[in-house]
PDB file of N, CA and C in Angstrom:
ATOM      1  N   MET A   1     -19.898 -13.629 -31.700  1.00  0.00           N
ATOM      2  CA  MET A   1     -19.718 -14.709 -30.535  1.00  0.00           C
ATOM      3  C   MET A   1     -20.997 -13.972 -29.604  1.00  0.00           C
ATOM      4  N   ASN A   2     -21.914 -15.078 -29.413  1.00  0.00           N
ATOM      5  CA  ASN A   2     -22.906 -14.849 -28.317  1.00  0.00           C
ATOM      6  C   ASN A   2     -22.391 -14.915 -27.076  1.00  0.00           C
ATOM      7  N   ARG A   3     -23.187 -14.361 -26.151  1.00  0.00           N
ATOM      8  CA  ARG A   3     -22.749 -14.314 -24.653  1.00  0.00           C
ATOM      9  C   ARG A   3     -22.557 -15.701 -23.950  1.00  0.00           C
ATOM     10  N   SER A   4     -23.285 -16.488 -24.255  1.00  0.00           N
ATOM     11  CA  SER A   4     -23.210 -18.052 -23.708  1.00  0.00           C
ATOM     12  C   SER A   4     -21.938 -18.562 -23.997  1.00  0.00           C
ATOM     13  N   LEU A   5     -21.623 -18.337 -25.406  1.00  0.00           N
ATOM     14  CA  LEU A   5     -20.490 -19.062 -25.973  1.00  0.00           C
ATOM     15  C   LEU A   5     -19.093 -18.499 -25.216  1.00  0.00           C
ATOM     16  N   GLN A   6     -19.271 -17.222 -25.109  1.00  0.00           N
ATOM     17  CA  GLN A   6     -18.210 -16.238 -24.263  1.00  0.00           C
ATOM     18  C   GLN A   6     -17.959 -16.928 -22.914  1.00  0.00           C
ATOM     19  N   MET A   7     -19.130 -17.301 -22.278  1.00  0.00           N
ATOM     20  CA  MET A   7     -19.034 -17.768 -20.636  1.00  0.00           C
ATOM     21  C   MET A   7     -18.511 -19.176 -20.854  1.00  0.00           C
ATOM     22  N   LEU A   8     -18.851 -19.920 -21.750  1.00  0.00           N
ATOM     23  CA  LEU A   8     -18.476 -21.233 -22.003  1.00  0.00           C
ATOM     24  C   LEU A   8     -16.994 -21.388 -22.058  1.00  0.00           C
ATOM     25  N   LEU A   9     -16.387 -20.435 -23.112  1.00  0.00           N
ATOM     26  CA  LEU A   9     -14.867 -20.508 -23.452  1.00  0.00           C
ATOM     27  C   LEU A   9     -14.233 -19.981 -22.322  1.00  0.00           C
ATOM     28  N   GLY A  10     -14.938 -18.787 -21.454  1.00  0.00           N
ATOM     29  CA  GLY A  10     -14.149 -18.464 -20.216  1.00  0.00           C
ATOM     30  C   GLY A  10     -13.889 -19.664 -19.158  1.00  0.00           C
ATOM     31  N   VAL A  11     -15.093 -20.621 -18.937  1.00  0.00           N
ATOM     32  CA  VAL A  11     -14.990 -21.556 -17.810  1.00  0.00           C
ATOM     33  C   VAL A  11     -14.089 -22.574 -18.364  1.00  0.00           C
ATOM     34  N   VAL A  12     -13.989 -22.917 -19.862  1.00  0.00           N
ATOM     35  CA  VAL A  12     -13.164 -23.965 -20.208  1.00  0.00           C
ATOM     36  C   VAL A  12     -11.802 -23.524 -20.011  1.00  0.00           C
ATOM     37  N   LEU A  13     -11.351 -22.063 -20.231  1.00  0.00           N
ATOM     38  CA  LEU A  13      -9.981 -21.610 -20.073  1.00  0.00           C
ATOM     39  C   LEU A  13      -9.413 -21.710 -18.666  1.00  0.00           C
ATOM     40  N   ALA A  14     -10.629 -21.348 -17.828  1.00  0.00           N
ATOM     41  CA  ALA A  14     -10.356 -21.112 -16.544  1.00  0.00           C
ATOM     42  C   ALA A  14      -9.962 -22.586 -15.815  1.00  0.00           C
ATOM     43  N   LEU A  15     -10.674 -23.769 -16.444  1.00  0.00           N
ATOM     44  CA  LEU A  15     -10.384 -24.915 -15.704  1.00  0.00           C
ATOM     45  C   LEU A  15      -9.148 -25.522 -16.284  1.00  0.00           C
ATOM     46  N   ALA A  16      -8.854 -25.154 -17.413  1.00  0.00           N
ATOM     47  CA  ALA A  16      -7.740 -25.822 -18.055  1.00  0.00           C
ATOM     48  C   ALA A  16      -6.427 -25.364 -17.542  1.00  0.00           C
ATOM     49  N   MET A  17      -6.457 -24.186 -16.871  1.00  0.00           N
ATOM     50  CA  MET A  17      -5.218 -23.678 -16.253  1.00  0.00           C
ATOM     51  C   MET A  17      -4.644 -24.655 -15.377  1.00  0.00           C
ATOM     52  N   HIS A  18      -3.022 -24.519 -15.459  1.00  0.00           N
ATOM     53  CA  HIS A  18      -2.646 -25.348 -14.265  1.00  0.00           C
ATOM     54  C   HIS A  18      -2.737 -24.630 -13.077  1.00  0.00           C
ATOM     55  N   SER A  19      -2.712 -25.641 -12.065  1.00  0.00           N
ATOM     56  CA  SER A  19      -3.055 -25.041 -10.641  1.00  0.00           C
ATOM     57  C   SER A  19      -1.737 -24.212  -9.918  1.00  0.00           C
ATOM     58  N   SER A  20      -0.852 -24.355 -10.641  1.00  0.00           N
ATOM     59  CA  SER A  20       0.340 -23.513 -10.039  1.00  0.00           C
ATOM     60  C   SER A  20       0.297 -22.194 -10.534  1.00  0.00           C
ATOM     61  N   ALA A  21      -0.459 -21.912 -11.626  1.00  0.00           N
ATOM     62  CA  ALA A  21      -0.620 -20.434 -12.151  1.00  0.00           C
ATOM     63  C   ALA A  21      -1.533 -19.613 -11.226  1.00  0.00           C
ATOM     64  N   PHE A  22      -2.022 -20.131 -10.088  1.00  0.00           N
ATOM     65  CA  PHE A  22      -2.889 -19.427  -9.335  1.00  0.00           C
ATOM     66  C   PHE A  22      -2.285 -18.776  -8.213  1.00  0.00           C
ATOM     67  N   GLY A  23      -0.920 -19.002  -7.827  1.00  0.00           N
ATOM     68  CA  GLY A  23      -0.541 -18.527  -6.614  1.00  0.00           C
ATOM     69  C   GLY A  23       0.978 -18.286  -6.969  1.00  0.00           C
ATOM     70  N   CYS A  24       1.642 -17.486  -6.010  1.00  0.00           N
ATOM     71  CA  CYS A  24       3.205 -17.259  -6.157  1.00  0.00           C
ATOM     72  C   CYS A  24       3.846 -18.070  -5.486  1.00  0.00           C
ATOM     73  N   ALA A  25       5.031 -18.204  -5.149  1.00  0.00           N
ATOM     74  CA  ALA A  25       6.019 -18.923  -4.301  1.00  0.00           C
ATOM     75  C   ALA A  25       5.472 -18.902  -2.906  1.00  0.00           C
ATOM     76  N   ALA A  26       5.019 -17.709  -2.476  1.00  0.00           N
ATOM     77  CA  ALA A  26       4.618 -17.760  -0.772  1.00  0.00           C
ATOM     78  C   ALA A  26       3.161 -18.354  -0.821  1.00  0.00           C
ATOM     79  N   CYS A  27       2.387 -18.175  -1.756  1.00  0.00           N
ATOM     80  CA  CYS A  27       0.975 -18.810  -1.511  1.00  0.00           C
ATOM     81  C   CYS A  27       0.919 -20.266  -2.047  1.00  0.00           C
ATOM     82  N   PHE A  28       1.816 -20.635  -3.032  1.00  0.00           N
ATOM     83  CA  PHE A  28       1.630 -21.960  -3.537  1.00  0.00           C
ATOM     84  C   PHE A  28       3.042 -22.415  -3.919  1.00  0.00           C
ATOM     85  N   GLY A  29       3.383 -23.560  -3.362  1.00  0.00           N
ATOM     86  CA  GLY A  29       4.641 -24.255  -3.523  1.00  0.00           C
ATOM     87  C   GLY A  29       5.499 -24.068  -2.432  1.00  0.00           C
ATOM     88  N   LYS A  30       6.946 -24.071  -2.901  1.00  0.00           N
ATOM     89  CA  LYS A  30       8.012 -24.145  -1.561  1.00  0.00           C
ATOM     90  C   LYS A  30       7.997 -22.496  -1.191  1.00  0.00           C
ATOM     91  N   SER A  31       7.976 -22.439   0.129  1.00  0.00           N
ATOM     92  CA  SER A  31       8.267 -21.231   0.686  1.00  0.00           C
ATOM     93  C   SER A  31       9.581 -20.654   1.131  1.00  0.00           C
ATOM     94  N   ASP A  32      10.596 -21.956   0.657  1.00  0.00           N
ATOM     95  CA  ASP A  32      11.972 -21.711   0.933  1.00  0.00           C
ATOM     96  C   ASP A  32      12.671 -21.541  -0.381  1.00  0.00           C
ATOM     97  N   SER A  33      12.018 -21.221  -1.527  1.00  0.00           N
ATOM     98  CA  SER A  33      12.403 -21.006  -2.676  1.00  0.00           C
ATOM     99  C   SER A  33      13.072 -19.595  -2.801  1.00  0.00           C
ATOM    100  N   PRO A  34      14.151 -19.444  -3.760  1.00  0.00           N
ATOM    101  CA  PRO A  34      14.868 -18.120  -3.812  1.00  0.00           C
ATOM    102  C   PRO A  34      13.750 -17.084  -4.250  1.00  0.00           C
ATOM    103  N   MET A  35      12.909 -17.429  -5.198  1.00  0.00           N
ATOM    104  CA  MET A  35      11.882 -16.578  -5.227  1.00  0.00           C
ATOM    105  C   MET A  35      11.187 -16.034  -4.021  1.00  0.00           C
ATOM    106  N   ALA A  36      10.850 -16.956  -3.263  1.00  0.00           N
ATOM    107  CA  ALA A  36       9.998 -16.483  -1.948  1.00  0.00           C
ATOM    108  C   ALA A  36      11.033 -15.541  -1.190  1.00  0.00           C
ATOM    109  N   TYR A  37      12.337 -15.685  -1.216  1.00  0.00           N
ATOM    110  CA  TYR A  37      13.272 -15.041  -0.433  1.00  0.00           C
ATOM    111  C   TYR A  37      13.454 -13.877  -1.090  1.00  0.00           C
ATOM    112  N   GLY A  38      13.437 -13.554  -2.381  1.00  0.00           N
ATOM    113  CA  GLY A  38      13.470 -12.359  -2.830  1.00  0.00           C
ATOM    114  C   GLY A  38      12.243 -11.498  -3.069  1.00  0.00           C
ATOM    115  N   MET A  39      11.125 -12.060  -2.976  1.00  0.00           N
ATOM    116  CA  MET A  39       9.955 -11.324  -2.725  1.00  0.00           C
ATOM    117  C   MET A  39       9.760 -10.856  -1.382  1.00  0.00           C
ATOM    118  N   ASN A  40      10.223 -11.681  -0.350  1.00  0.00           N
ATOM    119  CA  ASN A  40      10.261 -11.150   1.075  1.00  0.00           C
ATOM    120  C   ASN A  40      11.082 -10.071   1.324  1.00  0.00           C
ATOM    121  N   ALA A  41      12.322 -10.039   0.570  1.00  0.00           N
ATOM    122  CA  ALA A  41      13.379  -9.047   0.707  1.00  0.00           C
ATOM    123  C   ALA A  41      12.682  -7.697   0.036  1.00  0.00           C
ATOM    124  N   GLY A  42      12.166  -7.994  -1.019  1.00  0.00           N
ATOM    125  CA  GLY A  42      11.260  -6.678  -1.714  1.00  0.00           C
ATOM    126  C   GLY A  42      10.544  -6.157  -0.833  1.00  0.00           C
ATOM    127  N   ILE A  43       9.763  -6.887  -0.395  1.00  0.00           N
ATOM    128  CA  ILE A  43       8.752  -6.278   0.811  1.00  0.00           C
ATOM    129  C   ILE A  43       9.180  -5.561   1.677  1.00  0.00           C
ATOM    130  N   ILE A  44      10.196  -6.208   2.366  1.00  0.00           N
ATOM    131  CA  ILE A  44      10.929  -5.454   3.355  1.00  0.00           C
ATOM    132  C   ILE A  44      11.424  -4.130   3.161  1.00  0.00           C
ATOM    133  N   SER A  45      12.055  -4.162   1.802  1.00  0.00           N
ATOM    134  CA  SER A  45      12.992  -2.985   1.461  1.00  0.00           C
ATOM    135  C   SER A  45      11.797  -1.787   1.072  1.00  0.00           C
ATOM    136  N   LEU A  46      10.648  -2.259   0.587  1.00  0.00           N
ATOM    137  CA  LEU A  46       9.645  -1.243   0.396  1.00  0.00           C
ATOM    138  C   LEU A  46       9.065  -0.687   1.482  1.00  0.00           C
ATOM    139  N   LEU A  47       8.999  -1.573   2.486  1.00  0.00           N
ATOM    140  CA  LEU A  47       8.421  -1.083   3.972  1.00  0.00           C
ATOM    141  C   LEU A  47       9.531  -0.183   4.502  1.00  0.00           C
ATOM    142  N   ALA A  48      10.455  -0.678   4.377  1.00  0.00           N
ATOM    143  CA  ALA A  48      11.860   0.026   5.043  1.00  0.00           C
ATOM    144  C   ALA A  48      11.732   1.683   4.325  1.00  0.00           C
ATOM    145  N   VAL A  49      11.218   1.800   3.212  1.00  0.00           N
ATOM    146  CA  VAL A  49      11.268   3.104   2.321  1.00  0.00           C
ATOM    147  C   VAL A  49       9.877   4.076   2.802  1.00  0.00           C
ATOM    148  N   ILE A  50       8.935   3.238   2.471  1.00  0.00           N
ATOM    149  CA  ILE A  50       7.482   3.631   2.590  1.00  0.00           C
ATOM    150  C   ILE A  50       7.337   4.140   3.992  1.00  0.00           C
ATOM    151  N   VAL A  51       7.458   3.543   5.055  1.00  0.00           N
ATOM    152  CA  VAL A  51       7.106   3.809   6.495  1.00  0.00           C
ATOM    153  C   VAL A  51       7.819   5.101   6.924  1.00  0.00           C
ATOM    154  N   PRO A  52       9.028   5.231   6.769  1.00  0.00           N
ATOM    155  CA  PRO A  52       9.633   6.518   7.018  1.00  0.00           C
ATOM    156  C   PRO A  52       9.256   7.717   6.317  1.00  0.00           C
ATOM    157  N   VAL A  53       8.956   7.587   5.117  1.00  0.00           N
ATOM    158  CA  VAL A  53       8.280   8.681   4.202  1.00  0.00           C
ATOM    159  C   VAL A  53       7.041   9.063   4.908  1.00  0.00           C
ATOM    160  N   LEU A  54       6.105   8.083   5.056  1.00  0.00           N
ATOM    161  CA  LEU A  54       4.749   8.500   5.849  1.00  0.00           C
ATOM    162  C   LEU A  54       5.072   9.157   7.143  1.00  0.00           C
ATOM    163  N   GLY A  55       5.779   8.765   7.741  1.00  0.00           N
ATOM    164  CA  GLY A  55       6.061   9.232   8.953  1.00  0.00           C
ATOM    165  C   GLY A  55       6.671  10.561   9.177  1.00  0.00           C
ATOM    166  N   LEU A  56       7.358  10.821   8.058  1.00  0.00           N
ATOM    167  CA  LEU A  56       8.052  12.463   7.824  1.00  0.00           C
ATOM    168  C   LEU A  56       6.717  13.156   7.388  1.00  0.00           C
ATOM    169  N   ILE A  57       6.032  12.500   6.560  1.00  0.00           N
ATOM    170  CA  ILE A  57       4.949  13.569   5.878  1.00  0.00           C
ATOM    171  C   ILE A  57       3.859  13.853   7.191  1.00  0.00           C
ATOM    172  N   ALA A  58       3.543  12.564   8.023  1.00  0.00           N
ATOM    173  CA  ALA A  58       2.702  13.025   9.240  1.00  0.00           C
ATOM    174  C   ALA A  58       3.251  13.900  10.144  1.00  0.00           C
ATOM    175  N   SER A  59       4.595  13.837  10.413  1.00  0.00           N
ATOM    176  CA  SER A  59       5.124  14.936  11.323  1.00  0.00           C
ATOM    177  C   SER A  59       5.031  16.227  10.601  1.00  0.00           C
ATOM    178  N   PHE A  60       5.210  16.307   9.454  1.00  0.00           N
ATOM    179  CA  PHE A  60       5.144  17.746   8.720  1.00  0.00           C
ATOM    180  C   PHE A  60       3.916  18.400   9.001  1.00  0.00           C
ATOM    181  N   PHE A  61       2.590  17.481   8.709  1.00  0.00           N
ATOM    182  CA  PHE A  61       1.436  17.959   8.907  1.00  0.00           C
ATOM    183  C   PHE A  61       1.142  18.429  10.775  1.00  0.00           C
ATOM    184  N   GLY A  62       1.646  17.546  11.433  1.00  0.00           N
ATOM    185  CA  GLY A  62       1.725  17.742  12.713  1.00  0.00           C
ATOM    186  C   GLY A  62       2.136  18.928  13.116  1.00  0.00           C
ATOM    187  N   TYR A  63       3.505  19.361  12.560  1.00  0.00           N
ATOM    188  CA  TYR A  63       4.302  20.590  12.804  1.00  0.00           C
ATOM    189  C   TYR A  63       3.353  21.844  12.292  1.00  0.00           C
ATOM    190  N   ILE A  64       2.790  21.686  11.199  1.00  0.00           N
ATOM    191  CA  ILE A  64       2.049  22.713  10.605  1.00  0.00           C
ATOM    192  C   ILE A  64       0.917  22.901  11.503  1.00  0.00           C
ATOM    193  N   VAL A  65       0.130  21.940  12.087  1.00  0.00           N
ATOM    194  CA  VAL A  65      -0.962  22.276  12.944  1.00  0.00           C
ATOM    195  C   VAL A  65      -0.380  22.840  14.302  1.00  0.00           C
ATOM    196  N   TYR A  66       0.675  22.580  14.897  1.00  0.00           N
ATOM    197  CA  TYR A  66       1.180  23.237  16.306  1.00  0.00           C
ATOM    198  C   TYR A  66       1.583  24.512  15.857  1.00  0.00           C
ATOM    199  N   ARG A  67       2.122  25.123  14.612  1.00  0.00           N
ATOM    200  CA  ARG A  67       2.461  26.336  14.304  1.00  0.00           C
ATOM    201  C   ARG A  67       1.255  26.856  13.979  1.00  0.00           C
ATOM    202  N   ALA A  68       0.291  26.453  13.464  1.00  0.00           N
ATOM    203  CA  ALA A  68      -1.079  27.417  13.396  1.00  0.00           C
ATOM    204  C   ALA A  68      -1.553  27.472  14.676  1.00  0.00           C
ATOM    205  N   ARG A  69      -1.704  26.646  15.781  1.00  0.00           N
ATOM    206  CA  ARG A  69      -2.017  27.004  16.871  1.00  0.00           C
ATOM    207  C   ARG A  69      -1.354  27.774  17.790  1.00  0.00           C
ATOM    208  N   ARG A  70      -0.055  27.872  17.500  1.00  0.00           N
ATOM    209  CA  ARG A  70       0.937  28.745  18.407  1.00  0.00           C
ATOM    210  C   ARG A  70       0.734  30.259  17.982  1.00  0.00           C
ATOM    211  N   VAL A  71       0.553  30.434  16.552  1.00  0.00           N
ATOM    212  CA  VAL A  71       0.498  31.570  15.816  1.00  0.00           C
ATOM    213  C   VAL A  71      -0.988  32.110  16.255  1.00  0.00           C
ATOM    214  N   GLY A  72      -2.010  31.323  16.318  1.00  0.00           N
ATOM    215  CA  GLY A  72      -3.428  31.793  16.572  1.00  0.00           C
ATOM    216  C   GLY A  72      -3.405  32.179  18.044  1.00  0.00           C
ATOM    217  N   SER A  73      -2.797  31.511  19.051  1.00  0.00           N
ATOM    218  CA  SER A  73      -2.725  31.942  20.469  1.00  0.00           C
ATOM    219  C   SER A  73      -1.959  33.063  20.654  1.00  0.00           C
ATOM    220  N   GLU A  74      -0.809  33.282  20.009  1.00  0.00           N
ATOM    221  CA  GLU A  74      -0.275  34.769  19.908  1.00  0.00           C
ATOM    222  C   GLU A  74      -0.862  36.122  19.422  1.00  0.00           C
ATOM    223  N   SER A  75      -1.694  35.469  18.321  1.00  0.00           N
ATOM    224  CA  SER A  75      -2.526  36.842  17.739  1.00  0.00           C
ATOM    225  C   SER A  75      -3.437  37.132  18.726  1.00  0.00           C
ATOM    226  N   ASP A  76      -4.125  36.220  19.367  1.00  0.00           N
ATOM    227  CA  ASP A  76      -5.111  36.618  20.344  1.00  0.00           C
ATOM    228  C   ASP A  76      -4.638  37.408  21.596  1.00  0.00           C
ATOM    229  N   ILE A  77      -3.367  37.163  22.101  1.00  0.00           N
ATOM    230  CA  ILE A  77      -2.458  37.847  23.116  1.00  0.00           C
ATOM    231  C   ILE A  77      -2.321  39.211  22.709  1.00  0.00           C
ATOM    232  N   ASN A  78      -2.009  39.591  21.462  1.00  0.00           N
ATOM    233  CA  ASN A  78      -1.154  40.783  20.707  1.00  0.00           C
ATOM    234  C   ASN A  78      -2.533  41.646  20.136  1.00  0.00           C
ATOM    235  N   SER A  79      -3.643  41.258  20.058  1.00  0.00           N
ATOM    236  CA  SER A  79      -4.666  42.021  19.532  1.00  0.00           C
ATOM    237  C   SER A  79      -5.063  43.169  20.378  1.00  0.00           C
ATOM    238  N   PRO A  80      -5.239  44.188  19.846  1.00  0.00           N
ATOM    239  CA  PRO A  80      -5.722  45.283  20.747  1.00  0.00           C
ATOM    240  C   PRO A  80      -7.207  44.991  20.852  1.00  0.00           C
ATOM    241  N   ALA A  81      -7.658  45.555  22.239  1.00  0.00           N
ATOM    242  CA  ALA A  81      -8.942  45.502  22.594  1.00  0.00           C
ATOM    243  C   ALA A  81      -9.916  46.404  21.868  1.00  0.00           C
ATOM    244  N   VAL A  82     -10.938  46.183  21.327  1.00  0.00           N
ATOM    245  CA  VAL A  82     -11.704  46.800  20.524  1.00  0.00           C
ATOM    246  C   VAL A  82     -12.762  47.660  21.526  1.00  0.00           C
TER     247      VAL A  82
END
């Protein structure tokens, strides 16, 4: 199949698709459908898991930086003068 025939076939298939296939319940159609409520609940539950996990990871690295600074300052105080 040559390139122009493939391009023509792709354009025809894109134009033949039904318009409701281009969006989900939140983007196209009824936003108060059960599918939209389920999608919103899924988004909120994922955020409820991801945000605390990312917060814990960030606080862990903050703690590592804090400890490194504290150990570095203590080693300067306790090091003998040369």
